[in-house]
Amino acid sequence: MKSQQPALSLHEWYALVMLDPDAPTRAPRTFIIPRDHVAAAAWIGHMNWLTDPNALPGGRNAGLDQARVGIETVEPYEDRWDLLGTETDEVPVLLPGWYRKLAAEPRVGLPAGHPWTSELPEW
């Protein structure tokens, strides 16, 4: 649930780390993402899954506390250490383009209080 809360400052980041279970001594992959981008990604992905009109009724009932963000969603943020030091509202949104369309749909939207609810940035 914490991941979907909006940032309290323009300097909140996540460093998501992916370890390779087949090569535990290999350097991990790291994804450097502003907090508000993670909040949007977690919410959009989960709400899209939860409210999928093609899903069987009653088959999807996991709460937001079980939201996941897939590798395909965060891959553009891999090794983006160069973004650190930039105010997060100045960082380009690198989420998939179809996530922007979902954020604009009433079925999915964005979490309450998210800074993009008043105006979606371009991405």
N, C-alpha and C. Protein backbone atom coordinates (compact mmCIF):
# COMPACT_ATOMS: atom_id res chain seq x y z
N MET A 1 0.83 -1.19 0.00
CA MET A 1 0.00 0.00 0.00
C MET A 1 0.87 1.26 0.00
N LYS A 2 2.00 1.16 0.68
CA LYS A 2 2.88 2.31 0.79
C LYS A 2 3.37 2.78 -0.59
N SER A 3 3.57 1.83 -1.49
CA SER A 3 4.11 2.20 -2.80
C SER A 3 3.15 3.06 -3.60
N GLN A 4 1.87 3.05 -3.26
CA GLN A 4 0.89 3.82 -4.02
C GLN A 4 0.60 5.19 -3.42
N GLN A 5 1.27 5.52 -2.34
CA GLN A 5 1.10 6.85 -1.75
C GLN A 5 1.93 7.86 -2.53
N PRO A 6 1.40 9.05 -2.72
CA PRO A 6 2.18 10.06 -3.44
C PRO A 6 3.40 10.52 -2.65
N ALA A 7 4.39 10.98 -3.37
CA ALA A 7 5.61 11.48 -2.75
C ALA A 7 5.32 12.72 -1.91
N LEU A 8 6.10 12.89 -0.86
CA LEU A 8 5.98 14.07 -0.01
C LEU A 8 6.97 15.16 -0.40
N SER A 9 7.92 14.79 -1.28
CA SER A 9 8.89 15.78 -1.77
C SER A 9 9.25 15.43 -3.21
N LEU A 10 10.01 16.28 -3.83
CA LEU A 10 10.45 16.06 -5.21
C LEU A 10 11.76 15.29 -5.28
N HIS A 11 12.09 14.59 -4.19
CA HIS A 11 13.35 13.85 -4.15
C HIS A 11 13.16 12.45 -3.60
N GLU A 12 12.00 11.83 -3.87
CA GLU A 12 11.74 10.47 -3.40
C GLU A 12 11.84 9.50 -4.56
N TRP A 13 12.68 8.48 -4.37
CA TRP A 13 13.01 7.52 -5.42
C TRP A 13 12.89 6.10 -4.90
N TYR A 14 12.68 5.18 -5.83
CA TYR A 14 12.83 3.76 -5.55
C TYR A 14 14.00 3.26 -6.36
N ALA A 15 14.77 2.38 -5.78
CA ALA A 15 15.78 1.60 -6.50
C ALA A 15 15.30 0.16 -6.41
N LEU A 16 14.64 -0.30 -7.46
CA LEU A 16 14.14 -1.68 -7.49
C LEU A 16 15.29 -2.56 -7.96
N VAL A 17 15.53 -3.63 -7.23
CA VAL A 17 16.66 -4.50 -7.51
C VAL A 17 16.14 -5.89 -7.88
N MET A 18 16.64 -6.42 -9.00
CA MET A 18 16.24 -7.75 -9.44
C MET A 18 17.46 -8.66 -9.42
N LEU A 19 17.40 -9.68 -8.58
CA LEU A 19 18.47 -10.66 -8.49
C LEU A 19 18.20 -11.80 -9.46
N ASP A 20 19.25 -12.37 -10.01
CA ASP A 20 19.12 -13.50 -10.92
C ASP A 20 19.26 -14.78 -10.11
N PRO A 21 18.17 -15.53 -9.92
CA PRO A 21 18.26 -16.75 -9.10
C PRO A 21 19.16 -17.82 -9.71
N ASP A 22 19.38 -17.74 -11.03
CA ASP A 22 20.26 -18.73 -11.69
C ASP A 22 21.72 -18.33 -11.64
N ALA A 23 21.99 -17.10 -11.28
CA ALA A 23 23.38 -16.61 -11.19
C ALA A 23 23.47 -15.66 -10.01
N PRO A 24 23.40 -16.18 -8.78
CA PRO A 24 23.34 -15.31 -7.60
C PRO A 24 24.55 -14.40 -7.40
N THR A 25 25.66 -14.69 -8.05
CA THR A 25 26.83 -13.82 -7.89
C THR A 25 26.90 -12.75 -8.97
N ARG A 26 26.02 -12.82 -9.95
CA ARG A 26 25.96 -11.80 -11.00
C ARG A 26 25.41 -10.50 -10.40
N ALA A 27 25.91 -9.39 -10.90
CA ALA A 27 25.42 -8.09 -10.43
C ALA A 27 23.92 -8.00 -10.68
N PRO A 28 23.17 -7.48 -9.71
CA PRO A 28 21.72 -7.36 -9.91
C PRO A 28 21.38 -6.27 -10.91
N ARG A 29 20.20 -6.39 -11.49
CA ARG A 29 19.67 -5.33 -12.34
C ARG A 29 19.00 -4.32 -11.41
N THR A 30 19.16 -3.04 -11.71
CA THR A 30 18.60 -2.00 -10.86
C THR A 30 17.79 -1.02 -11.72
N PHE A 31 16.64 -0.64 -11.18
CA PHE A 31 15.72 0.25 -11.87
C PHE A 31 15.50 1.46 -10.96
N ILE A 32 15.86 2.64 -11.43
CA ILE A 32 15.80 3.88 -10.65
C ILE A 32 14.56 4.67 -11.09
N ILE A 33 13.58 4.75 -10.16
CA ILE A 33 12.26 5.27 -10.54
C ILE A 33 11.75 6.25 -9.49
N PRO A 34 11.25 7.41 -9.92
CA PRO A 34 10.62 8.33 -8.97
C PRO A 34 9.41 7.67 -8.29
N ARG A 35 9.22 8.00 -7.03
CA ARG A 35 8.12 7.42 -6.25
C ARG A 35 6.76 7.56 -6.93
N ASP A 36 6.47 8.74 -7.49
CA ASP A 36 5.17 8.94 -8.11
C ASP A 36 4.99 8.05 -9.35
N HIS A 37 6.06 7.71 -10.03
CA HIS A 37 5.99 6.81 -11.17
C HIS A 37 5.67 5.39 -10.69
N VAL A 38 6.29 4.98 -9.59
CA VAL A 38 5.99 3.65 -9.01
C VAL A 38 4.55 3.60 -8.53
N ALA A 39 4.10 4.67 -7.86
CA ALA A 39 2.72 4.70 -7.37
C ALA A 39 1.74 4.55 -8.52
N ALA A 40 1.98 5.26 -9.61
CA ALA A 40 1.11 5.16 -10.78
C ALA A 40 1.17 3.77 -11.39
N ALA A 41 2.37 3.23 -11.54
CA ALA A 41 2.53 1.91 -12.16
C ALA A 41 1.84 0.83 -11.35
N ALA A 42 2.02 0.84 -10.03
CA ALA A 42 1.41 -0.18 -9.18
C ALA A 42 -0.11 -0.08 -9.23
N TRP A 43 -0.64 1.12 -9.14
CA TRP A 43 -2.09 1.32 -9.17
C TRP A 43 -2.68 0.94 -10.52
N ILE A 44 -2.11 1.48 -11.59
CA ILE A 44 -2.65 1.24 -12.92
C ILE A 44 -2.63 -0.26 -13.25
N GLY A 45 -1.50 -0.90 -13.02
CA GLY A 45 -1.40 -2.33 -13.31
C GLY A 45 -2.40 -3.14 -12.53
N HIS A 46 -2.53 -2.85 -11.23
CA HIS A 46 -3.43 -3.63 -10.39
C HIS A 46 -4.89 -3.35 -10.73
N MET A 47 -5.26 -2.09 -10.87
CA MET A 47 -6.65 -1.77 -11.15
C MET A 47 -7.07 -2.26 -12.54
N ASN A 48 -6.16 -2.25 -13.49
CA ASN A 48 -6.48 -2.79 -14.81
C ASN A 48 -6.75 -4.29 -14.70
N TRP A 49 -5.93 -4.99 -13.95
CA TRP A 49 -6.12 -6.43 -13.73
C TRP A 49 -7.42 -6.70 -12.96
N LEU A 50 -7.63 -5.93 -11.90
CA LEU A 50 -8.78 -6.14 -11.02
C LEU A 50 -10.11 -5.89 -11.73
N THR A 51 -10.15 -4.89 -12.58
CA THR A 51 -11.41 -4.49 -13.22
C THR A 51 -11.50 -4.93 -14.68
N ASP A 52 -10.65 -5.85 -15.08
CA ASP A 52 -10.65 -6.36 -16.47
C ASP A 52 -12.05 -6.85 -16.83
N PRO A 53 -12.71 -6.23 -17.81
CA PRO A 53 -14.07 -6.64 -18.16
C PRO A 53 -14.15 -8.06 -18.72
N ASN A 54 -13.03 -8.63 -19.14
CA ASN A 54 -13.02 -9.98 -19.68
C ASN A 54 -12.76 -11.05 -18.61
N ALA A 55 -12.48 -10.63 -17.39
CA ALA A 55 -12.21 -11.59 -16.31
C ALA A 55 -13.52 -12.19 -15.82
N LEU A 56 -13.45 -13.42 -15.35
CA LEU A 56 -14.64 -14.08 -14.80
C LEU A 56 -15.08 -13.35 -13.55
N PRO A 57 -16.37 -13.11 -13.38
CA PRO A 57 -16.88 -12.44 -12.17
C PRO A 57 -16.45 -13.17 -10.90
N GLY A 58 -15.96 -12.41 -9.93
CA GLY A 58 -15.55 -12.97 -8.65
C GLY A 58 -14.20 -13.65 -8.66
N GLY A 59 -13.55 -13.70 -9.80
CA GLY A 59 -12.26 -14.39 -9.91
C GLY A 59 -11.07 -13.56 -9.50
N ARG A 60 -11.25 -12.27 -9.43
CA ARG A 60 -10.13 -11.38 -9.09
C ARG A 60 -10.54 -10.52 -7.91
N ASN A 61 -9.93 -10.77 -6.79
CA ASN A 61 -10.31 -10.01 -5.59
C ASN A 61 -9.12 -9.64 -4.73
N ALA A 62 -7.90 -9.76 -5.24
CA ALA A 62 -6.71 -9.37 -4.47
C ALA A 62 -6.72 -7.87 -4.25
N GLY A 63 -6.38 -7.46 -3.04
CA GLY A 63 -6.35 -6.04 -2.71
C GLY A 63 -5.12 -5.33 -3.23
N LEU A 64 -5.13 -4.02 -3.10
CA LEU A 64 -4.00 -3.21 -3.56
C LEU A 64 -2.70 -3.54 -2.81
N ASP A 65 -2.83 -4.11 -1.62
CA ASP A 65 -1.63 -4.49 -0.88
C ASP A 65 -0.88 -5.62 -1.57
N GLN A 66 -1.49 -6.24 -2.57
CA GLN A 66 -0.85 -7.32 -3.31
C GLN A 66 -0.48 -6.89 -4.74
N ALA A 67 -0.51 -5.61 -5.00
CA ALA A 67 -0.17 -5.09 -6.33
C ALA A 67 1.29 -5.40 -6.66
N ARG A 68 1.53 -5.70 -7.91
CA ARG A 68 2.88 -5.99 -8.40
C ARG A 68 3.16 -5.13 -9.62
N VAL A 69 4.44 -4.83 -9.84
CA VAL A 69 4.86 -4.10 -11.02
C VAL A 69 5.79 -5.02 -11.80
N GLY A 70 5.43 -5.34 -13.02
CA GLY A 70 6.21 -6.27 -13.84
C GLY A 70 7.44 -5.63 -14.45
N ILE A 71 8.38 -6.50 -14.82
CA ILE A 71 9.63 -6.05 -15.42
C ILE A 71 9.39 -5.23 -16.69
N GLU A 72 8.40 -5.62 -17.48
CA GLU A 72 8.13 -4.90 -18.73
C GLU A 72 7.70 -3.46 -18.47
N THR A 73 7.17 -3.20 -17.30
CA THR A 73 6.72 -1.86 -16.94
C THR A 73 7.88 -0.96 -16.54
N VAL A 74 8.88 -1.52 -15.89
CA VAL A 74 9.98 -0.71 -15.35
C VAL A 74 11.27 -0.77 -16.16
N GLU A 75 11.33 -1.61 -17.17
CA GLU A 75 12.57 -1.78 -17.93
C GLU A 75 13.19 -0.48 -18.44
N PRO A 76 12.39 0.49 -18.90
CA PRO A 76 13.01 1.74 -19.37
C PRO A 76 13.76 2.52 -18.27
N TYR A 77 13.53 2.18 -17.02
CA TYR A 77 14.20 2.86 -15.90
C TYR A 77 15.49 2.14 -15.48
N GLU A 78 15.84 1.09 -16.19
CA GLU A 78 17.02 0.32 -15.79
C GLU A 78 18.28 1.16 -15.88
N ASP A 79 19.05 1.12 -14.79
CA ASP A 79 20.34 1.82 -14.68
C ASP A 79 20.24 3.32 -14.94
N ARG A 80 19.11 3.92 -14.64
CA ARG A 80 18.94 5.36 -14.87
C ARG A 80 19.43 6.18 -13.68
N TRP A 81 20.63 5.85 -13.22
CA TRP A 81 21.25 6.57 -12.12
C TRP A 81 21.42 8.04 -12.46
N ASP A 82 21.49 8.34 -13.76
CA ASP A 82 21.66 9.73 -14.20
C ASP A 82 20.48 10.62 -13.81
N LEU A 83 19.35 10.00 -13.50
CA LEU A 83 18.16 10.78 -13.13
C LEU A 83 18.24 11.32 -11.70
N LEU A 84 18.99 10.64 -10.86
CA LEU A 84 19.09 11.08 -9.46
C LEU A 84 19.65 12.50 -9.41
N GLY A 85 19.11 13.29 -8.54
CA GLY A 85 19.52 14.69 -8.44
C GLY A 85 18.56 15.60 -9.19
N THR A 86 17.79 15.03 -10.10
CA THR A 86 16.76 15.78 -10.81
C THR A 86 15.50 15.79 -9.95
N GLU A 87 14.82 16.91 -9.88
CA GLU A 87 13.55 16.91 -9.16
C GLU A 87 12.62 15.96 -9.90
N THR A 88 11.93 15.13 -9.14
CA THR A 88 11.17 14.04 -9.75
C THR A 88 10.04 14.50 -10.66
N ASP A 89 9.52 15.69 -10.47
CA ASP A 89 8.48 16.16 -11.39
C ASP A 89 9.05 16.60 -12.73
N GLU A 90 10.39 16.61 -12.85
CA GLU A 90 11.06 16.95 -14.10
C GLU A 90 11.54 15.70 -14.85
N VAL A 91 11.39 14.53 -14.24
CA VAL A 91 11.85 13.28 -14.84
C VAL A 91 10.81 12.83 -15.86
N PRO A 92 11.24 12.49 -17.09
CA PRO A 92 10.26 12.01 -18.06
C PRO A 92 9.62 10.70 -17.60
N VAL A 93 8.34 10.56 -17.89
CA VAL A 93 7.63 9.33 -17.54
C VAL A 93 8.00 8.29 -18.60
N LEU A 94 8.56 7.17 -18.13
CA LEU A 94 9.01 6.12 -19.03
C LEU A 94 8.13 4.87 -18.95
N LEU A 95 6.97 5.00 -18.32
CA LEU A 95 6.04 3.89 -18.23
C LEU A 95 5.49 3.59 -19.62
N PRO A 96 4.96 2.38 -19.84
CA PRO A 96 4.39 2.06 -21.15
C PRO A 96 3.29 3.05 -21.54
N GLY A 97 3.24 3.40 -22.82
CA GLY A 97 2.26 4.35 -23.31
C GLY A 97 0.82 3.94 -23.02
N TRP A 98 0.55 2.65 -23.07
CA TRP A 98 -0.82 2.21 -22.82
C TRP A 98 -1.22 2.41 -21.38
N TYR A 99 -0.25 2.56 -20.46
CA TYR A 99 -0.57 2.89 -19.06
C TYR A 99 -1.19 4.29 -18.97
N ARG A 100 -0.73 5.19 -19.83
CA ARG A 100 -1.28 6.55 -19.81
C ARG A 100 -2.76 6.52 -20.20
N LYS A 101 -3.08 5.71 -21.21
CA LYS A 101 -4.48 5.57 -21.62
C LYS A 101 -5.33 5.01 -20.48
N LEU A 102 -4.79 4.01 -19.77
CA LEU A 102 -5.53 3.42 -18.64
C LEU A 102 -5.70 4.43 -17.51
N ALA A 103 -4.69 5.26 -17.27
CA ALA A 103 -4.78 6.26 -16.20
C ALA A 103 -5.90 7.26 -16.48
N ALA A 104 -6.22 7.47 -17.74
CA ALA A 104 -7.29 8.40 -18.12
C ALA A 104 -8.67 7.76 -18.08
N GLU A 105 -8.71 6.43 -17.98
CA GLU A 105 -10.00 5.73 -17.95
C GLU A 105 -10.58 5.71 -16.53
N PRO A 106 -11.87 5.97 -16.38
CA PRO A 106 -12.50 5.90 -15.05
C PRO A 106 -12.38 4.51 -14.41
N ARG A 107 -12.34 3.46 -15.21
CA ARG A 107 -12.22 2.10 -14.70
C ARG A 107 -10.91 1.87 -13.94
N VAL A 108 -9.86 2.58 -14.33
CA VAL A 108 -8.53 2.37 -13.76
C VAL A 108 -8.08 3.61 -12.98
N GLY A 109 -7.85 4.71 -13.68
CA GLY A 109 -7.47 5.97 -13.03
C GLY A 109 -6.14 5.93 -12.31
N LEU A 110 -6.04 6.75 -11.27
CA LEU A 110 -4.83 6.88 -10.45
C LEU A 110 -5.25 6.92 -8.98
N PRO A 111 -4.31 6.63 -8.07
CA PRO A 111 -4.67 6.67 -6.65
C PRO A 111 -5.02 8.08 -6.18
N ALA A 112 -5.87 8.16 -5.18
CA ALA A 112 -6.27 9.45 -4.61
C ALA A 112 -5.04 10.24 -4.18
N GLY A 113 -5.02 11.50 -4.53
CA GLY A 113 -3.93 12.37 -4.13
C GLY A 113 -2.71 12.31 -5.03
N HIS A 114 -2.74 11.46 -6.04
CA HIS A 114 -1.58 11.38 -6.94
C HIS A 114 -1.47 12.69 -7.72
N PRO A 115 -0.26 13.22 -7.89
CA PRO A 115 -0.11 14.52 -8.55
C PRO A 115 -0.56 14.54 -10.02
N TRP A 116 -0.70 13.41 -10.65
CA TRP A 116 -1.11 13.38 -12.05
C TRP A 116 -2.63 13.35 -12.20
N THR A 117 -3.40 13.31 -11.11
CA THR A 117 -4.85 13.25 -11.25
C THR A 117 -5.41 14.55 -11.83
N SER A 118 -4.77 15.67 -11.57
CA SER A 118 -5.25 16.94 -12.12
C SER A 118 -4.89 17.09 -13.59
N GLU A 119 -3.72 16.59 -13.98
CA GLU A 119 -3.29 16.64 -15.37
C GLU A 119 -2.24 15.58 -15.61
N LEU A 120 -2.52 14.69 -16.56
CA LEU A 120 -1.57 13.64 -16.89
C LEU A 120 -0.39 14.22 -17.65
N PRO A 121 0.83 13.87 -17.28
CA PRO A 121 1.97 14.32 -18.07
C PRO A 121 2.01 13.57 -19.41
N GLU A 122 2.74 14.06 -20.34
CA GLU A 122 2.95 13.35 -21.60
C GLU A 122 3.95 12.24 -21.38
N TRP A 123 3.71 11.11 -22.03
CA TRP A 123 4.71 10.04 -22.08
C TRP A 123 4.39 9.12 -23.21
